[in-house]
Amino acid sequence: MSRRNSVLFGLLAAMLASANDARATMVSLNGSTIASDNFEGDTVGAPPVADVGVWSNVNFVNRTIGEVTNAALPGASSGSQYFSLFKDGSSVYQGIFAEMSLASSDLIHFESMVYIPLNTAAENFPWQIGIASVASPGSRLINIWRNASGLWEAQGMGAFAGPASLLFDTWQKWELDFVVGASAATLTINGVSASVPATNTTLNTNPAYRLGVWTNGPADNQIYLDNITPVVEVPAVPEPSTAALLLTFAAAFVFGRRR
């Protein structure tokens, strides 16, 4: 194989490999992974065991870590297993949390595929995403939810305009980015971003915090997390489309083999 064809073949292989590289549910601090999980190697019906790092114990009242499931409905976003969090009609809540020690200007990132059932649409705060103090769980840097009127709300800050891309009964990619000390975070759902008001901009004396997703609300509800659905990432090229690029590569490869 010529050097030119080797390069072309290598580019094609890299593109195909990226399509098969599923990204786990993940929390990172300053670019370093604190905890991540694809839920595939975990025991069904039991709390997940993180592939990297650990999911922390939960010290919120009546709140436990959720369970891994392989139920047919709603079904996994990627692979065969995913993570389930439920809240029953009494006072049992479930969540998933990653603990970290924070300092001013630290960058916190969360990403996951998220499935929000339609039956939560008319409930008050059926689920929440937040960054809470370990020592004082009620003290939070970020704490957001959606209310029964369809409005996004932030603890202590009222309603705000959340991502218009939120859908129900389907898997969507969620990302949360926050710089400690900033007045707002960024919530992105399927590529559409919105500014999220911060509840607090000052850290507690104890720098231990947890980023978490948990169920809440007055009624039974359930949400699900899973791997990030793979996306083909193509290097920037002058051609107008990926299809044209692939055809060019294929033609060049065939031509080279015939010479």
Protein backbone atom coordinates (compact mmCIF):
# COMPACT_ATOMS: atom_id res chain seq x y z
CA MET A 1 0.00 0.00 0.00
CA SER A 2 1.36 3.43 -0.94
CA ARG A 3 2.03 6.09 1.69
CA ARG A 4 -0.86 8.17 0.30
CA ASN A 5 -3.30 5.29 0.59
CA SER A 6 -2.02 4.48 4.07
CA VAL A 7 -2.83 8.02 5.17
CA LEU A 8 -6.30 7.89 3.62
CA PHE A 9 -6.99 4.49 5.14
CA GLY A 10 -5.84 5.76 8.53
CA LEU A 11 -8.20 8.73 8.38
CA LEU A 12 -11.12 6.49 7.46
CA ALA A 13 -10.27 4.09 10.28
CA ALA A 14 -10.10 6.94 12.79
CA MET A 15 -13.49 8.23 11.68
CA LEU A 16 -15.05 4.76 12.03
CA ALA A 17 -13.42 4.26 15.41
CA SER A 18 -14.88 7.53 16.71
CA ALA A 19 -18.34 6.32 15.74
CA ASN A 20 -17.91 3.28 18.01
CA ASP A 21 -16.52 5.23 20.98
CA ALA A 22 -19.42 5.67 23.40
CA ARG A 23 -18.84 8.27 26.10
CA ALA A 24 -20.04 7.42 29.58
CA THR A 25 -22.14 9.40 32.02
CA MET A 26 -19.39 11.57 33.45
CA VAL A 27 -18.48 14.29 35.95
CA SER A 28 -15.14 16.09 35.58
CA LEU A 29 -13.26 18.80 37.45
CA ASN A 30 -10.79 20.97 35.52
CA GLY A 31 -10.72 18.36 32.75
CA SER A 32 -9.98 15.40 35.05
CA THR A 33 -12.67 12.74 35.44
CA ILE A 34 -14.11 12.48 38.95
CA ALA A 35 -16.54 9.67 38.12
CA SER A 36 -17.82 8.00 34.97
CA ASP A 37 -19.87 4.92 34.13
CA ASN A 38 -21.33 3.23 31.09
CA PHE A 39 -23.44 0.93 33.35
CA GLU A 40 -22.72 -2.08 31.11
CA GLY A 41 -20.58 -4.03 33.58
CA ASP A 42 -22.73 -3.27 36.61
CA THR A 43 -25.10 -5.68 38.35
CA VAL A 44 -28.71 -5.24 37.26
CA GLY A 45 -30.93 -4.26 40.19
CA ALA A 46 -28.01 -2.88 42.21
CA PRO A 47 -26.36 0.55 42.51
CA PRO A 48 -23.77 1.27 39.79
CA VAL A 49 -20.04 0.84 40.35
CA ALA A 50 -18.21 3.62 38.51
CA ASP A 51 -15.79 2.59 35.76
CA VAL A 52 -13.60 5.55 36.77
CA GLY A 53 -13.66 7.12 40.24
CA VAL A 54 -16.60 6.49 42.56
CA TRP A 55 -20.23 7.48 42.93
CA SER A 56 -20.39 8.98 46.41
CA ASN A 57 -22.68 8.05 49.27
CA VAL A 58 -25.75 10.23 49.54
CA ASN A 59 -26.38 12.16 52.75
CA PHE A 60 -29.60 13.85 51.66
CA VAL A 61 -32.62 12.87 53.78
CA ASN A 62 -34.36 9.69 52.52
CA ARG A 63 -32.23 9.62 49.38
CA THR A 64 -30.34 6.59 48.07
CA ILE A 65 -28.31 5.79 44.96
CA GLY A 66 -30.43 4.50 42.08
CA GLU A 67 -30.16 1.14 40.33
CA VAL A 68 -28.86 -0.26 37.05
CA THR A 69 -31.54 -1.74 34.79
CA ASN A 70 -31.87 -3.55 31.46
CA ALA A 71 -35.64 -3.10 31.18
CA ALA A 72 -37.04 -3.07 27.65
CA LEU A 73 -38.82 0.22 28.32
CA PRO A 74 -37.64 2.83 27.77
CA GLY A 75 -34.58 0.81 26.73
CA ALA A 76 -30.95 1.84 26.75
CA SER A 77 -29.58 4.73 24.73
CA SER A 78 -26.40 2.76 24.09
CA GLY A 79 -25.57 -0.85 24.93
CA SER A 80 -28.09 -2.91 26.91
CA GLN A 81 -27.97 -1.45 30.44
CA TYR A 82 -28.71 1.99 31.82
CA PHE A 83 -29.31 3.81 35.11
CA SER A 84 -32.72 4.29 36.73
CA LEU A 85 -33.68 6.80 39.42
CA PHE A 86 -37.16 6.72 40.93
CA LYS A 87 -39.19 8.55 43.53
CA ASP A 88 -42.16 6.78 45.08
CA GLY A 89 -45.27 8.42 46.53
CA SER A 90 -43.89 8.34 50.07
CA SER A 91 -40.47 9.80 50.80
CA VAL A 92 -37.95 7.59 49.01
CA TYR A 93 -35.81 9.46 46.50
CA GLN A 94 -32.90 8.28 44.37
CA GLY A 95 -29.93 10.10 42.90
CA ILE A 96 -26.38 9.78 41.65
CA PHE A 97 -23.57 11.98 42.99
CA ALA A 98 -19.87 12.61 42.42
CA GLU A 99 -17.87 14.25 45.20
CA MET A 100 -15.06 16.75 44.68
CA SER A 101 -13.09 19.38 46.57
CA LEU A 102 -13.64 22.80 45.02
CA ALA A 103 -11.75 26.07 44.81
CA SER A 104 -12.65 29.37 43.18
CA SER A 105 -12.48 29.30 39.34
CA ASP A 106 -12.62 25.49 39.14
CA LEU A 107 -14.43 24.19 36.03
CA ILE A 108 -17.07 21.52 36.67
CA HIS A 109 -18.55 19.52 33.79
CA PHE A 110 -21.36 16.94 33.68
CA GLU A 111 -22.56 15.03 30.64
CA SER A 112 -24.96 12.15 30.09
CA MET A 113 -27.78 10.92 27.94
CA VAL A 114 -30.97 11.68 29.90
CA TYR A 115 -34.49 10.31 29.45
CA ILE A 116 -37.33 12.30 31.02
CA PRO A 117 -40.72 10.53 30.92
CA LEU A 118 -43.71 12.56 29.75
CA ASN A 119 -45.58 11.86 33.00
CA THR A 120 -43.18 14.20 34.81
CA ALA A 121 -44.08 17.18 32.61
CA ALA A 122 -46.97 18.33 34.81
CA GLU A 123 -45.16 17.86 38.15
CA ASN A 124 -43.29 20.34 40.31
CA PHE A 125 -39.53 19.65 40.43
CA PRO A 126 -39.80 15.89 39.62
CA TRP A 127 -36.03 15.88 39.13
CA GLN A 128 -33.20 18.22 39.99
CA ILE A 129 -29.58 18.81 39.00
CA GLY A 130 -27.34 20.54 41.48
CA ILE A 131 -23.96 21.10 43.08
CA ALA A 132 -24.42 20.84 46.85
CA SER A 133 -22.20 21.12 49.89
CA VAL A 134 -21.35 17.76 51.52
CA ALA A 135 -21.38 19.24 55.03
CA SER A 136 -24.57 21.27 54.44
CA PRO A 137 -26.58 19.66 51.60
CA GLY A 138 -29.07 22.52 51.58
CA SER A 139 -26.28 24.92 50.62
CA ARG A 140 -25.95 24.70 46.83
CA LEU A 141 -24.02 26.46 44.12
CA ILE A 142 -26.37 25.26 41.38
CA ASN A 143 -29.84 23.72 41.79
CA ILE A 144 -32.29 23.63 38.88
CA TRP A 145 -35.51 21.88 37.92
CA ARG A 146 -38.65 22.26 35.81
CA ASN A 147 -42.01 23.04 37.41
CA ALA A 148 -45.59 21.93 36.69
CA SER A 149 -46.17 25.00 34.51
CA GLY A 150 -43.29 24.05 32.22
CA LEU A 151 -40.97 26.75 33.53
CA TRP A 152 -37.34 26.17 34.43
CA GLU A 153 -36.44 27.33 37.94
CA ALA A 154 -33.25 27.82 39.94
CA GLN A 155 -33.20 27.62 43.72
CA GLY A 156 -33.51 31.10 45.21
CA MET A 157 -33.41 32.74 41.77
CA GLY A 158 -36.86 32.02 40.32
CA ALA A 159 -37.72 31.14 36.73
CA PHE A 160 -35.30 31.34 33.83
CA ALA A 161 -35.36 30.51 30.12
CA GLY A 162 -34.05 26.95 29.87
CA PRO A 163 -33.07 25.11 26.68
CA ALA A 164 -36.02 25.02 24.29
CA SER A 165 -34.73 21.67 23.00
CA LEU A 166 -36.04 19.67 25.98
CA LEU A 167 -38.22 16.75 24.86
CA PHE A 168 -39.97 13.96 26.75
CA ASP A 169 -39.98 10.20 26.23
CA THR A 170 -36.72 10.28 24.29
CA TRP A 171 -32.99 10.16 25.04
CA GLN A 172 -31.19 13.51 24.85
CA LYS A 173 -27.63 14.58 25.54
CA TRP A 174 -27.38 16.86 28.59
CA GLU A 175 -24.33 18.86 29.62
CA LEU A 176 -23.81 21.21 32.57
CA ASP A 177 -20.77 23.50 32.78
CA PHE A 178 -20.01 25.75 35.73
CA VAL A 179 -17.03 27.85 36.82
CA VAL A 180 -16.97 28.11 40.61
CA GLY A 181 -17.66 31.71 41.61
CA ALA A 182 -19.54 32.60 38.41
CA SER A 183 -23.06 33.99 38.53
CA ALA A 184 -24.37 31.42 36.04
CA ALA A 185 -23.77 27.96 34.64
CA THR A 186 -24.52 26.68 31.13
CA LEU A 187 -27.02 23.88 30.55
CA THR A 188 -26.96 22.30 27.10
CA ILE A 189 -29.55 19.82 25.80
CA ASN A 190 -28.92 18.28 22.38
CA GLY A 191 -26.63 21.16 21.44
CA VAL A 192 -28.97 23.98 22.55
CA SER A 193 -27.56 25.98 25.47
CA ALA A 194 -29.09 28.26 28.10
CA SER A 195 -27.68 30.29 30.96
CA VAL A 196 -28.59 28.93 34.40
CA PRO A 197 -28.55 31.34 37.39
CA ALA A 198 -26.24 30.25 40.22
CA THR A 199 -27.82 29.93 43.65
CA ASN A 200 -24.54 30.83 45.37
CA THR A 201 -21.25 32.24 44.11
CA THR A 202 -19.27 31.72 47.32
CA LEU A 203 -17.94 28.38 48.57
CA ASN A 204 -18.52 27.17 52.10
CA THR A 205 -15.57 26.86 54.48
CA ASN A 206 -15.63 23.11 53.83
CA PRO A 207 -14.73 22.79 50.11
CA ALA A 208 -16.29 19.32 49.65
CA TYR A 209 -19.23 19.39 47.22
CA ARG A 210 -21.25 16.88 45.22
CA LEU A 211 -22.63 17.27 41.73
CA GLY A 212 -25.77 15.20 41.50
CA VAL A 213 -28.93 14.32 39.61
CA TRP A 214 -31.83 13.22 41.79
CA THR A 215 -35.57 12.65 41.81
CA ASN A 216 -37.97 14.79 43.80
CA GLY A 217 -41.53 16.09 43.65
CA PRO A 218 -44.84 15.12 45.26
CA ALA A 219 -45.71 12.11 43.09
CA ASP A 220 -44.19 8.91 41.71
CA ASN A 221 -41.70 9.62 38.95
CA GLN A 222 -38.62 8.18 37.31
CA ILE A 223 -35.74 9.40 35.14
CA TYR A 224 -32.92 7.56 33.40
CA LEU A 225 -29.26 8.14 32.50
CA ASP A 226 -27.01 6.33 30.02
CA ASN A 227 -23.97 6.55 27.75
CA ILE A 228 -23.56 9.45 25.39
CA THR A 229 -24.79 8.20 22.01
CA PRO A 230 -21.76 7.93 19.68
CA VAL A 231 -21.32 10.70 17.12
CA VAL A 232 -18.95 10.57 14.15
CA GLU A 233 -16.44 13.40 14.51
CA VAL A 234 -14.83 14.37 11.20
CA PRO A 235 -11.69 16.57 10.96
CA ALA A 236 -12.23 19.96 9.31
CA VAL A 237 -11.83 19.66 5.53
CA PRO A 238 -12.42 22.00 2.58
CA GLU A 239 -15.03 19.69 1.02
CA PRO A 240 -18.64 20.78 1.52
CA SER A 241 -19.86 17.54 3.09
CA THR A 242 -18.70 14.43 4.84
CA ALA A 243 -20.30 12.32 2.11
CA ALA A 244 -18.16 13.96 -0.55
CA LEU A 245 -15.08 13.46 1.59
CA LEU A 246 -15.77 9.75 2.03
CA LEU A 247 -16.35 9.31 -1.70
CA THR A 248 -13.08 11.10 -2.44
CA PHE A 249 -11.19 8.86 -0.02
CA ALA A 250 -12.77 5.73 -1.44
CA ALA A 251 -12.06 6.73 -5.04
CA ALA A 252 -8.44 7.56 -4.25
CA PHE A 253 -8.00 4.27 -2.45
CA VAL A 254 -9.41 2.27 -5.37
CA PHE A 255 -7.35 4.23 -7.91
CA GLY A 256 -4.20 3.58 -5.92
CA ARG A 257 -4.85 -0.14 -5.79
CA ARG A 258 -5.31 -0.31 -9.62
CA ARG A 259 -2.01 1.44 -10.41
